Amino acid sequence: MLTSFPKIYPILDSSVIPAANRAEFLRRLGGSLAQAGVTLLEYRNKNGADAELLADARVLRFAMPAGQVKLILDDRADLVDAAGFDGVHVDAGDLSPSEARRLLGKHRIIGTFGGSDSLLPGILNEPADYLAIGPVYRTTTKQIDRAPIGPEGVRRLREQARADVVLVAAAGITLQTAPLVLAAGANSVAVSAAIFRASDPGAEFRRWLQELG
């Protein structure tokens, strides 16, 4: 569970992890991100075997101390405990937020997709800590068949949600467009390519923190 939500957090997709020296890469990356001020990170591995996912997750957990960084596992609520993670992000085809909550308990972080052009029916009744919305812009790090909604779409979704609902805008967001998305009503922006395609992801995240405040 989160007492406050960061204005920006990275989504680490397994596609950026090299096959060689995988554990060492993740150890260095996790340490760099923690030192840069990351307080929440989502790890996404859509195609890897369970053994690979757990090995990656455990390295990240070691490199990013539990008292400092909350770690979210994409899709796999069944592996959260084994990974030592703090929660899960579930989408269509995964467990529902209610099922994930029953499995993981009230103290874990549960996130889910909330909608694109409009909020999904019944989504505000789900026991989720945050709702991801988008895609805000086009993205190459995740296969998405929905049209980008832009800041105007974020504004429409904000108007539909209760004031206390945490909305996380995702997909294709850059440092230049993030202020527009936050001004439109998102509580947070989740970023992947903009951070992890930089030569120094830790330094790039620190730059985002400095710019967004």
N, C-alpha and C. Protein backbone atom coordinates (compact mmCIF):
# COMPACT_ATOMS: atom_id res chain seq x y z
N MET A 1 0.84 -1.19 0.00
CA MET A 1 0.00 0.00 0.00
C MET A 1 0.88 1.25 0.00
N LEU A 2 0.43 2.29 -0.70
CA LEU A 2 1.17 3.53 -0.78
C LEU A 2 0.47 4.62 0.02
N THR A 3 1.21 5.34 0.83
CA THR A 3 0.64 6.48 1.53
C THR A 3 0.64 7.72 0.65
N SER A 4 1.56 7.77 -0.31
CA SER A 4 1.59 8.86 -1.29
C SER A 4 2.10 8.28 -2.60
N PHE A 5 1.74 8.93 -3.69
CA PHE A 5 2.11 8.40 -4.99
C PHE A 5 3.10 9.33 -5.67
N PRO A 6 4.19 8.78 -6.22
CA PRO A 6 5.19 9.65 -6.86
C PRO A 6 4.66 10.28 -8.14
N LYS A 7 5.15 11.44 -8.45
CA LYS A 7 4.71 12.14 -9.67
C LYS A 7 5.21 11.44 -10.93
N ILE A 8 6.28 10.70 -10.80
CA ILE A 8 6.85 9.96 -11.93
C ILE A 8 7.42 8.65 -11.43
N TYR A 9 7.20 7.58 -12.20
CA TYR A 9 7.88 6.33 -11.88
C TYR A 9 8.20 5.58 -13.16
N PRO A 10 9.29 4.81 -13.16
CA PRO A 10 9.70 4.08 -14.36
C PRO A 10 9.06 2.70 -14.46
N ILE A 11 8.81 2.28 -15.69
CA ILE A 11 8.42 0.92 -16.00
C ILE A 11 9.59 0.27 -16.73
N LEU A 12 10.20 -0.69 -16.08
CA LEU A 12 11.34 -1.40 -16.65
C LEU A 12 10.83 -2.61 -17.44
N ASP A 13 10.94 -2.54 -18.76
CA ASP A 13 10.53 -3.64 -19.61
C ASP A 13 11.72 -4.56 -19.85
N SER A 14 11.47 -5.85 -19.82
CA SER A 14 12.57 -6.81 -19.95
C SER A 14 13.29 -6.70 -21.29
N SER A 15 12.67 -6.09 -22.27
CA SER A 15 13.30 -5.96 -23.59
C SER A 15 14.57 -5.13 -23.57
N VAL A 16 14.76 -4.31 -22.54
CA VAL A 16 15.97 -3.48 -22.48
C VAL A 16 17.10 -4.17 -21.72
N ILE A 17 16.83 -5.36 -21.19
CA ILE A 17 17.84 -6.07 -20.41
C ILE A 17 18.67 -6.95 -21.34
N PRO A 18 19.98 -6.80 -21.38
CA PRO A 18 20.81 -7.62 -22.26
C PRO A 18 20.85 -9.07 -21.79
N ALA A 19 21.00 -9.98 -22.74
CA ALA A 19 21.06 -11.40 -22.40
C ALA A 19 22.32 -11.75 -21.62
N ALA A 20 23.43 -11.10 -21.98
CA ALA A 20 24.70 -11.37 -21.30
C ALA A 20 24.80 -10.53 -20.02
N ASN A 21 25.32 -11.12 -18.97
CA ASN A 21 25.52 -10.42 -17.70
C ASN A 21 24.25 -9.76 -17.20
N ARG A 22 23.14 -10.49 -17.33
CA ARG A 22 21.82 -9.95 -17.00
C ARG A 22 21.73 -9.48 -15.54
N ALA A 23 22.17 -10.34 -14.63
CA ALA A 23 22.08 -10.01 -13.22
C ALA A 23 22.92 -8.79 -12.86
N GLU A 24 24.13 -8.72 -13.40
CA GLU A 24 25.01 -7.58 -13.11
C GLU A 24 24.42 -6.29 -13.67
N PHE A 25 23.84 -6.37 -14.86
CA PHE A 25 23.18 -5.20 -15.45
C PHE A 25 22.07 -4.69 -14.54
N LEU A 26 21.24 -5.60 -14.07
CA LEU A 26 20.12 -5.21 -13.22
C LEU A 26 20.58 -4.69 -11.86
N ARG A 27 21.64 -5.29 -11.34
CA ARG A 27 22.16 -4.82 -10.06
C ARG A 27 22.64 -3.38 -10.16
N ARG A 28 23.39 -3.09 -11.21
CA ARG A 28 23.88 -1.73 -11.40
C ARG A 28 22.75 -0.76 -11.70
N LEU A 29 21.82 -1.18 -12.55
CA LEU A 29 20.69 -0.32 -12.91
C LEU A 29 19.82 -0.02 -11.70
N GLY A 30 19.49 -1.05 -10.94
CA GLY A 30 18.65 -0.85 -9.76
C GLY A 30 19.30 0.07 -8.75
N GLY A 31 20.59 -0.12 -8.52
CA GLY A 31 21.30 0.75 -7.59
C GLY A 31 21.32 2.20 -8.06
N SER A 32 21.55 2.38 -9.36
CA SER A 32 21.59 3.73 -9.92
C SER A 32 20.24 4.42 -9.81
N LEU A 33 19.16 3.70 -10.08
CA LEU A 33 17.82 4.28 -10.01
C LEU A 33 17.45 4.63 -8.56
N ALA A 34 17.81 3.75 -7.63
CA ALA A 34 17.52 4.02 -6.23
C ALA A 34 18.26 5.27 -5.76
N GLN A 35 19.52 5.40 -6.16
CA GLN A 35 20.30 6.58 -5.79
C GLN A 35 19.76 7.85 -6.44
N ALA A 36 19.14 7.69 -7.61
CA ALA A 36 18.59 8.84 -8.33
C ALA A 36 17.28 9.34 -7.74
N GLY A 37 16.67 8.55 -6.85
CA GLY A 37 15.44 9.01 -6.21
C GLY A 37 14.19 8.26 -6.59
N VAL A 38 14.31 7.14 -7.31
CA VAL A 38 13.14 6.33 -7.63
C VAL A 38 12.54 5.76 -6.35
N THR A 39 11.24 5.92 -6.16
CA THR A 39 10.57 5.37 -4.99
C THR A 39 9.54 4.30 -5.36
N LEU A 40 9.26 4.17 -6.67
CA LEU A 40 8.33 3.15 -7.16
C LEU A 40 8.80 2.73 -8.55
N LEU A 41 8.87 1.42 -8.79
CA LEU A 41 9.27 0.91 -10.09
C LEU A 41 8.42 -0.30 -10.44
N GLU A 42 7.98 -0.36 -11.68
CA GLU A 42 7.26 -1.54 -12.18
C GLU A 42 8.17 -2.34 -13.09
N TYR A 43 8.22 -3.64 -12.86
CA TYR A 43 9.00 -4.53 -13.71
C TYR A 43 8.04 -5.33 -14.58
N ARG A 44 8.27 -5.27 -15.90
CA ARG A 44 7.37 -5.93 -16.87
C ARG A 44 8.16 -6.93 -17.70
N ASN A 45 7.71 -8.18 -17.66
CA ASN A 45 8.33 -9.23 -18.47
C ASN A 45 7.20 -10.09 -19.04
N LYS A 46 6.80 -9.79 -20.28
CA LYS A 46 5.64 -10.43 -20.89
C LYS A 46 5.94 -11.82 -21.42
N ASN A 47 7.19 -12.09 -21.80
CA ASN A 47 7.49 -13.31 -22.53
C ASN A 47 8.46 -14.26 -21.85
N GLY A 48 9.13 -13.81 -20.82
CA GLY A 48 10.13 -14.65 -20.18
C GLY A 48 9.52 -15.77 -19.34
N ALA A 49 10.29 -16.82 -19.14
CA ALA A 49 9.87 -17.92 -18.27
C ALA A 49 9.82 -17.44 -16.82
N ASP A 50 9.09 -18.17 -16.00
CA ASP A 50 8.97 -17.80 -14.59
C ASP A 50 10.34 -17.70 -13.91
N ALA A 51 11.24 -18.62 -14.25
CA ALA A 51 12.56 -18.62 -13.63
C ALA A 51 13.32 -17.33 -13.94
N GLU A 52 13.23 -16.88 -15.19
CA GLU A 52 13.89 -15.64 -15.57
C GLU A 52 13.26 -14.46 -14.85
N LEU A 53 11.94 -14.42 -14.83
CA LEU A 53 11.24 -13.31 -14.17
C LEU A 53 11.63 -13.23 -12.70
N LEU A 54 11.62 -14.36 -12.02
CA LEU A 54 11.95 -14.36 -10.59
C LEU A 54 13.41 -14.00 -10.35
N ALA A 55 14.29 -14.48 -11.20
CA ALA A 55 15.71 -14.14 -11.04
C ALA A 55 15.92 -12.63 -11.19
N ASP A 56 15.30 -12.05 -12.22
CA ASP A 56 15.39 -10.60 -12.42
C ASP A 56 14.82 -9.86 -11.21
N ALA A 57 13.64 -10.29 -10.78
CA ALA A 57 12.94 -9.60 -9.69
C ALA A 57 13.77 -9.62 -8.40
N ARG A 58 14.39 -10.73 -8.12
CA ARG A 58 15.16 -10.83 -6.88
C ARG A 58 16.42 -9.98 -6.91
N VAL A 59 17.02 -9.83 -8.08
CA VAL A 59 18.17 -8.92 -8.20
C VAL A 59 17.72 -7.48 -7.98
N LEU A 60 16.60 -7.11 -8.58
CA LEU A 60 16.07 -5.76 -8.41
C LEU A 60 15.72 -5.49 -6.95
N ARG A 61 15.12 -6.48 -6.30
CA ARG A 61 14.76 -6.30 -4.89
C ARG A 61 16.00 -6.09 -4.03
N PHE A 62 17.08 -6.83 -4.31
CA PHE A 62 18.32 -6.67 -3.56
C PHE A 62 18.94 -5.29 -3.82
N ALA A 63 18.87 -4.84 -5.07
CA ALA A 63 19.50 -3.57 -5.44
C ALA A 63 18.69 -2.36 -5.03
N MET A 64 17.38 -2.56 -4.80
CA MET A 64 16.48 -1.45 -4.48
C MET A 64 15.80 -1.79 -3.16
N PRO A 65 16.37 -1.39 -2.04
CA PRO A 65 15.91 -1.82 -0.71
C PRO A 65 14.42 -1.56 -0.48
N ALA A 66 13.79 -2.51 0.21
CA ALA A 66 12.35 -2.45 0.43
C ALA A 66 11.91 -1.20 1.18
N GLY A 67 12.74 -0.71 2.08
CA GLY A 67 12.37 0.49 2.82
C GLY A 67 12.49 1.76 2.01
N GLN A 68 13.07 1.67 0.84
CA GLN A 68 13.33 2.85 0.02
C GLN A 68 12.51 2.87 -1.27
N VAL A 69 12.35 1.71 -1.90
CA VAL A 69 11.69 1.62 -3.21
C VAL A 69 10.61 0.56 -3.16
N LYS A 70 9.39 0.93 -3.63
CA LYS A 70 8.31 -0.02 -3.81
C LYS A 70 8.43 -0.63 -5.20
N LEU A 71 8.33 -1.96 -5.28
CA LEU A 71 8.45 -2.65 -6.56
C LEU A 71 7.14 -3.33 -6.93
N ILE A 72 6.70 -3.08 -8.16
CA ILE A 72 5.45 -3.62 -8.67
C ILE A 72 5.76 -4.61 -9.79
N LEU A 73 5.12 -5.76 -9.74
CA LEU A 73 5.30 -6.77 -10.78
C LEU A 73 4.14 -6.70 -11.76
N ASP A 74 4.44 -6.65 -13.02
CA ASP A 74 3.38 -6.60 -14.04
C ASP A 74 2.75 -7.98 -14.20
N ASP A 75 1.43 -8.03 -14.20
CA ASP A 75 0.63 -9.23 -14.52
C ASP A 75 0.62 -10.31 -13.44
N ARG A 76 1.78 -10.68 -12.90
CA ARG A 76 1.92 -11.94 -12.18
C ARG A 76 1.72 -11.80 -10.67
N ALA A 77 0.47 -11.69 -10.28
CA ALA A 77 0.15 -11.64 -8.85
C ALA A 77 0.62 -12.88 -8.12
N ASP A 78 0.66 -14.02 -8.84
CA ASP A 78 1.04 -15.28 -8.21
C ASP A 78 2.52 -15.34 -7.84
N LEU A 79 3.32 -14.43 -8.41
CA LEU A 79 4.76 -14.44 -8.14
C LEU A 79 5.22 -13.28 -7.27
N VAL A 80 4.32 -12.44 -6.83
CA VAL A 80 4.70 -11.26 -6.04
C VAL A 80 5.42 -11.66 -4.76
N ASP A 81 4.87 -12.60 -4.03
CA ASP A 81 5.50 -13.00 -2.77
C ASP A 81 6.87 -13.63 -3.00
N ALA A 82 6.96 -14.51 -3.98
CA ALA A 82 8.24 -15.18 -4.26
C ALA A 82 9.30 -14.18 -4.69
N ALA A 83 8.89 -13.11 -5.37
CA ALA A 83 9.83 -12.09 -5.83
C ALA A 83 10.22 -11.12 -4.73
N GLY A 84 9.43 -11.09 -3.65
CA GLY A 84 9.68 -10.11 -2.60
C GLY A 84 9.22 -8.72 -2.98
N PHE A 85 8.24 -8.65 -3.90
CA PHE A 85 7.76 -7.36 -4.39
C PHE A 85 6.62 -6.82 -3.51
N ASP A 86 6.26 -5.57 -3.77
CA ASP A 86 5.28 -4.87 -2.95
C ASP A 86 3.87 -4.87 -3.53
N GLY A 87 3.71 -5.32 -4.77
CA GLY A 87 2.39 -5.31 -5.36
C GLY A 87 2.41 -5.75 -6.80
N VAL A 88 1.28 -5.56 -7.47
CA VAL A 88 1.10 -6.05 -8.83
C VAL A 88 0.27 -5.06 -9.63
N HIS A 89 0.56 -5.03 -10.93
CA HIS A 89 -0.29 -4.30 -11.87
C HIS A 89 -0.98 -5.34 -12.75
N VAL A 90 -2.32 -5.33 -12.75
CA VAL A 90 -3.09 -6.31 -13.51
C VAL A 90 -3.89 -5.60 -14.61
N ASP A 91 -3.97 -6.26 -15.76
CA ASP A 91 -4.71 -5.75 -16.90
C ASP A 91 -5.75 -6.78 -17.32
N ALA A 92 -6.45 -6.49 -18.42
CA ALA A 92 -7.41 -7.44 -18.96
C ALA A 92 -6.71 -8.76 -19.26
N GLY A 93 -7.33 -9.87 -18.88
CA GLY A 93 -6.72 -11.17 -19.07
C GLY A 93 -5.94 -11.65 -17.87
N ASP A 94 -5.62 -10.74 -16.93
CA ASP A 94 -4.97 -11.12 -15.68
C ASP A 94 -6.06 -11.34 -14.63
N LEU A 95 -5.64 -11.56 -13.40
CA LEU A 95 -6.60 -11.53 -12.30
C LEU A 95 -7.25 -10.16 -12.23
N SER A 96 -8.49 -10.09 -11.76
CA SER A 96 -9.12 -8.79 -11.52
C SER A 96 -8.47 -8.16 -10.29
N PRO A 97 -8.61 -6.84 -10.13
CA PRO A 97 -8.07 -6.22 -8.91
C PRO A 97 -8.64 -6.86 -7.63
N SER A 98 -9.92 -7.23 -7.66
CA SER A 98 -10.53 -7.87 -6.48
C SER A 98 -9.87 -9.20 -6.18
N GLU A 99 -9.61 -9.98 -7.23
CA GLU A 99 -8.95 -11.28 -7.05
C GLU A 99 -7.52 -11.10 -6.57
N ALA A 100 -6.83 -10.11 -7.14
CA ALA A 100 -5.46 -9.84 -6.72
C ALA A 100 -5.41 -9.40 -5.26
N ARG A 101 -6.39 -8.60 -4.86
CA ARG A 101 -6.45 -8.14 -3.47
C ARG A 101 -6.68 -9.31 -2.53
N ARG A 102 -7.56 -10.23 -2.90
CA ARG A 102 -7.81 -11.40 -2.06
C ARG A 102 -6.56 -12.27 -1.94
N LEU A 103 -5.81 -12.36 -3.02
CA LEU A 103 -4.60 -13.18 -3.02
C LEU A 103 -3.48 -12.55 -2.21
N LEU A 104 -3.31 -11.23 -2.36
CA LEU A 104 -2.14 -10.57 -1.79
C LEU A 104 -2.40 -9.86 -0.47
N GLY A 105 -3.65 -9.59 -0.16
CA GLY A 105 -3.96 -8.93 1.10
C GLY A 105 -4.07 -7.42 0.98
N LYS A 106 -4.51 -6.81 2.06
CA LYS A 106 -4.84 -5.38 2.03
C LYS A 106 -3.64 -4.46 2.02
N HIS A 107 -2.46 -4.97 2.36
CA HIS A 107 -1.30 -4.09 2.47
C HIS A 107 -0.46 -4.03 1.20
N ARG A 108 -0.80 -4.80 0.18
CA ARG A 108 -0.07 -4.77 -1.08
C ARG A 108 -0.62 -3.68 -1.99
N ILE A 109 0.21 -3.23 -2.92
CA ILE A 109 -0.21 -2.25 -3.92
C ILE A 109 -0.86 -3.00 -5.08
N ILE A 110 -2.05 -2.57 -5.46
CA ILE A 110 -2.76 -3.14 -6.60
C ILE A 110 -3.05 -2.02 -7.59
N GLY A 111 -2.55 -2.16 -8.81
CA GLY A 111 -2.86 -1.21 -9.87
C GLY A 111 -3.53 -1.92 -11.02
N THR A 112 -4.28 -1.18 -11.80
CA THR A 112 -4.95 -1.78 -12.95
C THR A 112 -5.21 -0.73 -14.02
N PHE A 113 -5.57 -1.19 -15.22
CA PHE A 113 -5.92 -0.28 -16.30
C PHE A 113 -7.30 0.27 -16.05
N GLY A 114 -7.44 1.59 -16.13
CA GLY A 114 -8.71 2.23 -15.82
C GLY A 114 -9.54 2.63 -17.01
N GLY A 115 -8.92 2.82 -18.17
CA GLY A 115 -9.69 3.21 -19.33
C GLY A 115 -8.90 4.07 -20.29
N SER A 116 -9.54 4.34 -21.40
CA SER A 116 -8.93 5.14 -22.45
C SER A 116 -9.84 6.32 -22.77
N ASP A 117 -10.80 6.15 -23.65
CA ASP A 117 -11.73 7.24 -23.93
C ASP A 117 -12.67 7.50 -22.76
N SER A 118 -13.00 6.46 -22.00
CA SER A 118 -13.83 6.60 -20.81
C SER A 118 -13.39 5.56 -19.80
N LEU A 119 -13.74 5.78 -18.54
CA LEU A 119 -13.38 4.81 -17.52
C LEU A 119 -14.15 3.51 -17.75
N LEU A 120 -13.50 2.40 -17.47
CA LEU A 120 -14.15 1.10 -17.65
C LEU A 120 -15.33 0.97 -16.70
N PRO A 121 -16.41 0.33 -17.13
CA PRO A 121 -17.56 0.14 -16.24
C PRO A 121 -17.17 -0.58 -14.96
N GLY A 122 -17.56 -0.03 -13.83
CA GLY A 122 -17.31 -0.65 -12.53
C GLY A 122 -15.91 -0.48 -12.00
N ILE A 123 -15.03 0.18 -12.74
CA ILE A 123 -13.63 0.24 -12.33
C ILE A 123 -13.44 1.01 -11.02
N LEU A 124 -14.29 1.99 -10.76
CA LEU A 124 -14.15 2.78 -9.54
C LEU A 124 -14.55 1.98 -8.30
N ASN A 125 -15.21 0.86 -8.50
CA ASN A 125 -15.58 0.01 -7.37
C ASN A 125 -14.53 -1.06 -7.07
N GLU A 126 -13.52 -1.15 -7.91
CA GLU A 126 -12.47 -2.15 -7.69
C GLU A 126 -11.49 -1.67 -6.61
N PRO A 127 -10.92 -2.59 -5.84
CA PRO A 127 -10.00 -2.22 -4.77
C PRO A 127 -8.58 -1.98 -5.27
N ALA A 128 -8.45 -1.02 -6.17
CA ALA A 128 -7.14 -0.70 -6.76
C ALA A 128 -6.60 0.58 -6.14
N ASP A 129 -5.28 0.63 -5.96
CA ASP A 129 -4.64 1.82 -5.41
C ASP A 129 -4.45 2.90 -6.47
N TYR A 130 -4.38 2.48 -7.72
CA TYR A 130 -4.26 3.46 -8.81
C TYR A 130 -4.83 2.88 -10.09
N LEU A 131 -5.24 3.76 -10.99
CA LEU A 131 -5.75 3.39 -12.30
C LEU A 131 -4.81 3.96 -13.36
N ALA A 132 -4.27 3.09 -14.19
CA ALA A 132 -3.45 3.54 -15.32
C ALA A 132 -4.38 3.90 -16.47
N ILE A 133 -4.10 5.00 -17.15
CA ILE A 133 -4.93 5.44 -18.27
C ILE A 133 -4.04 5.72 -19.48
N GLY A 134 -4.64 5.57 -20.65
CA GLY A 134 -3.88 5.82 -21.87
C GLY A 134 -4.23 4.81 -22.95
N PRO A 135 -3.42 4.70 -23.98
CA PRO A 135 -2.12 5.36 -24.15
C PRO A 135 -2.27 6.85 -24.39
N VAL A 136 -1.43 7.63 -23.75
CA VAL A 136 -1.49 9.07 -23.96
C VAL A 136 -0.90 9.42 -25.33
N TYR A 137 0.23 8.83 -25.65
CA TYR A 137 0.86 9.02 -26.96
C TYR A 137 1.24 7.65 -27.52
N ARG A 138 1.71 7.63 -28.72
CA ARG A 138 2.14 6.36 -29.32
C ARG A 138 3.40 5.86 -28.61
N THR A 139 3.49 4.55 -28.50
CA THR A 139 4.62 3.96 -27.80
C THR A 139 5.14 2.75 -28.57
N THR A 140 6.41 2.45 -28.38
CA THR A 140 7.01 1.29 -29.03
C THR A 140 7.43 0.23 -28.03
N THR A 141 7.23 0.49 -26.73
CA THR A 141 7.69 -0.46 -25.72
C THR A 141 6.61 -1.44 -25.30
N LYS A 142 5.38 -1.26 -25.75
CA LYS A 142 4.31 -2.17 -25.40
C LYS A 142 3.31 -2.19 -26.55
N GLN A 143 2.83 -3.38 -26.90
CA GLN A 143 1.87 -3.51 -27.99
C GLN A 143 0.50 -3.05 -27.52
N ILE A 144 0.02 -1.96 -28.10
CA ILE A 144 -1.27 -1.38 -27.71
C ILE A 144 -2.06 -1.10 -28.97
N ASP A 145 -3.32 -1.54 -29.00
CA ASP A 145 -4.14 -1.33 -30.18
C ASP A 145 -5.13 -0.18 -30.03
N ARG A 146 -5.05 0.54 -28.91
CA ARG A 146 -5.93 1.69 -28.71
C ARG A 146 -5.27 2.96 -29.25
N ALA A 147 -6.09 3.90 -29.71
CA ALA A 147 -5.58 5.15 -30.24
C ALA A 147 -5.11 6.05 -29.09
N PRO A 148 -4.06 6.82 -29.30
CA PRO A 148 -3.60 7.75 -28.26
C PRO A 148 -4.68 8.75 -27.88
N ILE A 149 -4.76 9.07 -26.60
CA ILE A 149 -5.82 9.98 -26.13
C ILE A 149 -5.32 11.40 -25.93
N GLY A 150 -4.03 11.60 -25.80
CA GLY A 150 -3.49 12.93 -25.61
C GLY A 150 -3.91 13.54 -24.28
N PRO A 151 -3.43 14.73 -23.98
CA PRO A 151 -3.81 15.40 -22.73
C PRO A 151 -5.32 15.62 -22.61
N GLU A 152 -6.01 15.84 -23.73
CA GLU A 152 -7.45 16.04 -23.65
C GLU A 152 -8.16 14.79 -23.15
N GLY A 153 -7.68 13.63 -23.57
CA GLY A 153 -8.25 12.39 -23.06
C GLY A 153 -7.99 12.22 -21.58
N VAL A 154 -6.81 12.60 -21.13
CA VAL A 154 -6.51 12.57 -19.70
C VAL A 154 -7.48 13.47 -18.94
N ARG A 155 -7.76 14.63 -19.49
CA ARG A 155 -8.68 15.56 -18.84
C ARG A 155 -10.09 14.97 -18.75
N ARG A 156 -10.54 14.30 -19.81
CA ARG A 156 -11.87 13.68 -19.78
C ARG A 156 -11.96 12.60 -18.72
N LEU A 157 -10.92 11.80 -18.62
CA LEU A 157 -10.93 10.73 -17.63
C LEU A 157 -10.85 11.28 -16.21
N ARG A 158 -10.10 12.36 -16.02
CA ARG A 158 -10.03 13.00 -14.71
C ARG A 158 -11.41 13.48 -14.27
N GLU A 159 -12.17 14.01 -15.20
CA GLU A 159 -13.50 14.51 -14.89
C GLU A 159 -14.46 13.39 -14.50
N GLN A 160 -14.21 12.19 -15.01
CA GLN A 160 -15.08 11.06 -14.69
C GLN A 160 -14.74 10.41 -13.36
N ALA A 161 -13.53 10.57 -12.90
CA ALA A 161 -13.08 9.89 -11.69
C ALA A 161 -13.33 10.74 -10.46
N ARG A 162 -13.42 10.08 -9.30
CA ARG A 162 -13.49 10.82 -8.05
C ARG A 162 -12.18 11.55 -7.80
N ALA A 163 -12.24 12.59 -7.00
CA ALA A 163 -11.04 13.39 -6.74
C ALA A 163 -9.96 12.58 -6.05
N ASP A 164 -10.36 11.55 -5.29
CA ASP A 164 -9.37 10.77 -4.54
C ASP A 164 -8.77 9.62 -5.33
N VAL A 165 -9.20 9.43 -6.59
CA VAL A 165 -8.70 8.33 -7.41
C VAL A 165 -7.37 8.73 -8.03
N VAL A 166 -6.35 7.89 -7.83
CA VAL A 166 -5.03 8.15 -8.42
C VAL A 166 -5.03 7.69 -9.87
N LEU A 167 -4.79 8.62 -10.78
CA LEU A 167 -4.71 8.33 -12.21
C LEU A 167 -3.25 8.41 -12.65
N VAL A 168 -2.77 7.32 -13.23
CA VAL A 168 -1.41 7.27 -13.75
C VAL A 168 -1.48 7.27 -15.27
N ALA A 169 -0.95 8.29 -15.91
CA ALA A 169 -0.94 8.37 -17.36
C ALA A 169 0.29 7.66 -17.90
N ALA A 170 0.10 6.88 -18.97
CA ALA A 170 1.21 6.08 -19.48
C ALA A 170 1.23 6.06 -20.99
N ALA A 171 2.41 5.76 -21.52
CA ALA A 171 2.67 5.48 -22.94
C ALA A 171 3.12 6.73 -23.70
N GLY A 172 4.36 6.66 -24.16
CA GLY A 172 4.90 7.66 -25.07
C GLY A 172 5.17 9.02 -24.47
N ILE A 173 5.12 9.14 -23.15
CA ILE A 173 5.28 10.45 -22.50
C ILE A 173 6.76 10.81 -22.44
N THR A 174 7.08 12.05 -22.79
CA THR A 174 8.44 12.56 -22.75
C THR A 174 8.54 13.66 -21.70
N LEU A 175 9.75 14.10 -21.45
CA LEU A 175 9.94 15.18 -20.49
C LEU A 175 9.26 16.46 -20.96
N GLN A 176 9.14 16.62 -22.27
CA GLN A 176 8.50 17.81 -22.82
C GLN A 176 6.97 17.75 -22.68
N THR A 177 6.40 16.55 -22.79
CA THR A 177 4.94 16.43 -22.73
C THR A 177 4.41 16.12 -21.33
N ALA A 178 5.25 15.65 -20.44
CA ALA A 178 4.80 15.29 -19.09
C ALA A 178 4.09 16.42 -18.36
N PRO A 179 4.59 17.69 -18.42
CA PRO A 179 3.88 18.76 -17.73
C PRO A 179 2.46 18.95 -18.24
N LEU A 180 2.24 18.76 -19.55
CA LEU A 180 0.90 18.89 -20.12
C LEU A 180 -0.03 17.80 -19.57
N VAL A 181 0.52 16.60 -19.44
CA VAL A 181 -0.28 15.47 -18.97
C VAL A 181 -0.64 15.64 -17.49
N LEU A 182 0.31 16.10 -16.70
CA LEU A 182 0.04 16.34 -15.29
C LEU A 182 -0.95 17.49 -15.11
N ALA A 183 -0.82 18.53 -15.90
CA ALA A 183 -1.74 19.66 -15.83
C ALA A 183 -3.15 19.27 -16.23
N ALA A 184 -3.27 18.23 -17.06
CA ALA A 184 -4.58 17.77 -17.51
C ALA A 184 -5.30 16.95 -16.44
N GLY A 185 -4.58 16.57 -15.38
CA GLY A 185 -5.26 15.90 -14.29
C GLY A 185 -4.66 14.58 -13.85
N ALA A 186 -3.61 14.12 -14.50
CA ALA A 186 -2.95 12.89 -14.05
C ALA A 186 -2.21 13.17 -12.74
N ASN A 187 -2.25 12.22 -11.84
CA ASN A 187 -1.48 12.35 -10.60
C ASN A 187 -0.03 11.96 -10.80
N SER A 188 0.21 11.11 -11.80
CA SER A 188 1.54 10.57 -12.01
C SER A 188 1.70 10.20 -13.48
N VAL A 189 2.95 10.15 -13.93
CA VAL A 189 3.24 9.63 -15.27
C VAL A 189 4.18 8.44 -15.12
N ALA A 190 3.87 7.37 -15.83
CA ALA A 190 4.72 6.18 -15.87
C ALA A 190 5.49 6.22 -17.17
N VAL A 191 6.80 6.07 -17.09
CA VAL A 191 7.63 6.22 -18.28
C VAL A 191 8.55 5.02 -18.42
N SER A 192 8.79 4.63 -19.66
CA SER A 192 9.66 3.49 -19.93
C SER A 192 10.79 3.89 -20.87
N ALA A 193 10.47 4.03 -22.16
CA ALA A 193 11.51 4.33 -23.15
C ALA A 193 12.26 5.61 -22.83
N ALA A 194 11.56 6.63 -22.36
CA ALA A 194 12.19 7.92 -22.09
C ALA A 194 13.28 7.82 -21.04
N ILE A 195 13.18 6.84 -20.16
CA ILE A 195 14.20 6.64 -19.13
C ILE A 195 15.23 5.60 -19.57
N PHE A 196 14.76 4.47 -20.03
CA PHE A 196 15.66 3.33 -20.22
C PHE A 196 16.38 3.30 -21.57
N ARG A 197 16.03 4.18 -22.47
CA ARG A 197 16.80 4.31 -23.70
C ARG A 197 17.84 5.41 -23.61
N ALA A 198 17.90 6.05 -22.45
CA ALA A 198 18.96 7.03 -22.21
C ALA A 198 20.25 6.28 -21.89
N SER A 199 21.38 6.91 -22.16
CA SER A 199 22.66 6.27 -21.90
C SER A 199 22.88 6.03 -20.41
N ASP A 200 22.29 6.88 -19.58
CA ASP A 200 22.40 6.75 -18.13
C ASP A 200 21.00 6.91 -17.54
N PRO A 201 20.23 5.82 -17.37
CA PRO A 201 18.86 5.92 -16.88
C PRO A 201 18.73 6.62 -15.53
N GLY A 202 19.70 6.39 -14.64
CA GLY A 202 19.64 7.04 -13.34
C GLY A 202 19.73 8.55 -13.46
N ALA A 203 20.68 9.02 -14.25
CA ALA A 203 20.83 10.46 -14.45
C ALA A 203 19.61 11.03 -15.15
N GLU A 204 19.04 10.28 -16.09
CA GLU A 204 17.85 10.76 -16.79
C GLU A 204 16.67 10.87 -15.85
N PHE A 205 16.49 9.89 -14.97
CA PHE A 205 15.40 9.98 -14.00
C PHE A 205 15.59 11.18 -13.08
N ARG A 206 16.82 11.40 -12.66
CA ARG A 206 17.10 12.56 -11.80
C ARG A 206 16.74 13.87 -12.51
N ARG A 207 17.00 13.92 -13.82
CA ARG A 207 16.65 15.11 -14.59
C ARG A 207 15.14 15.30 -14.62
N TRP A 208 14.39 14.22 -14.76
CA TRP A 208 12.93 14.31 -14.73
C TRP A 208 12.45 14.84 -13.37
N LEU A 209 13.02 14.33 -12.29
CA LEU A 209 12.64 14.80 -10.96
C LEU A 209 12.89 16.29 -10.82
N GLN A 210 14.03 16.74 -11.28
CA GLN A 210 14.37 18.15 -11.17
C GLN A 210 13.43 19.03 -11.98
N GLU A 211 13.05 18.55 -13.16
CA GLU A 211 12.19 19.34 -14.05
C GLU A 211 10.74 19.35 -13.59
N LEU A 212 10.26 18.22 -13.08
CA LEU A 212 8.84 18.11 -12.72
C LEU A 212 8.56 18.49 -11.28
N GLY A 213 9.59 18.53 -10.46
CA GLY A 213 9.43 18.97 -9.09
C GLY A 213 8.81 17.92 -8.17
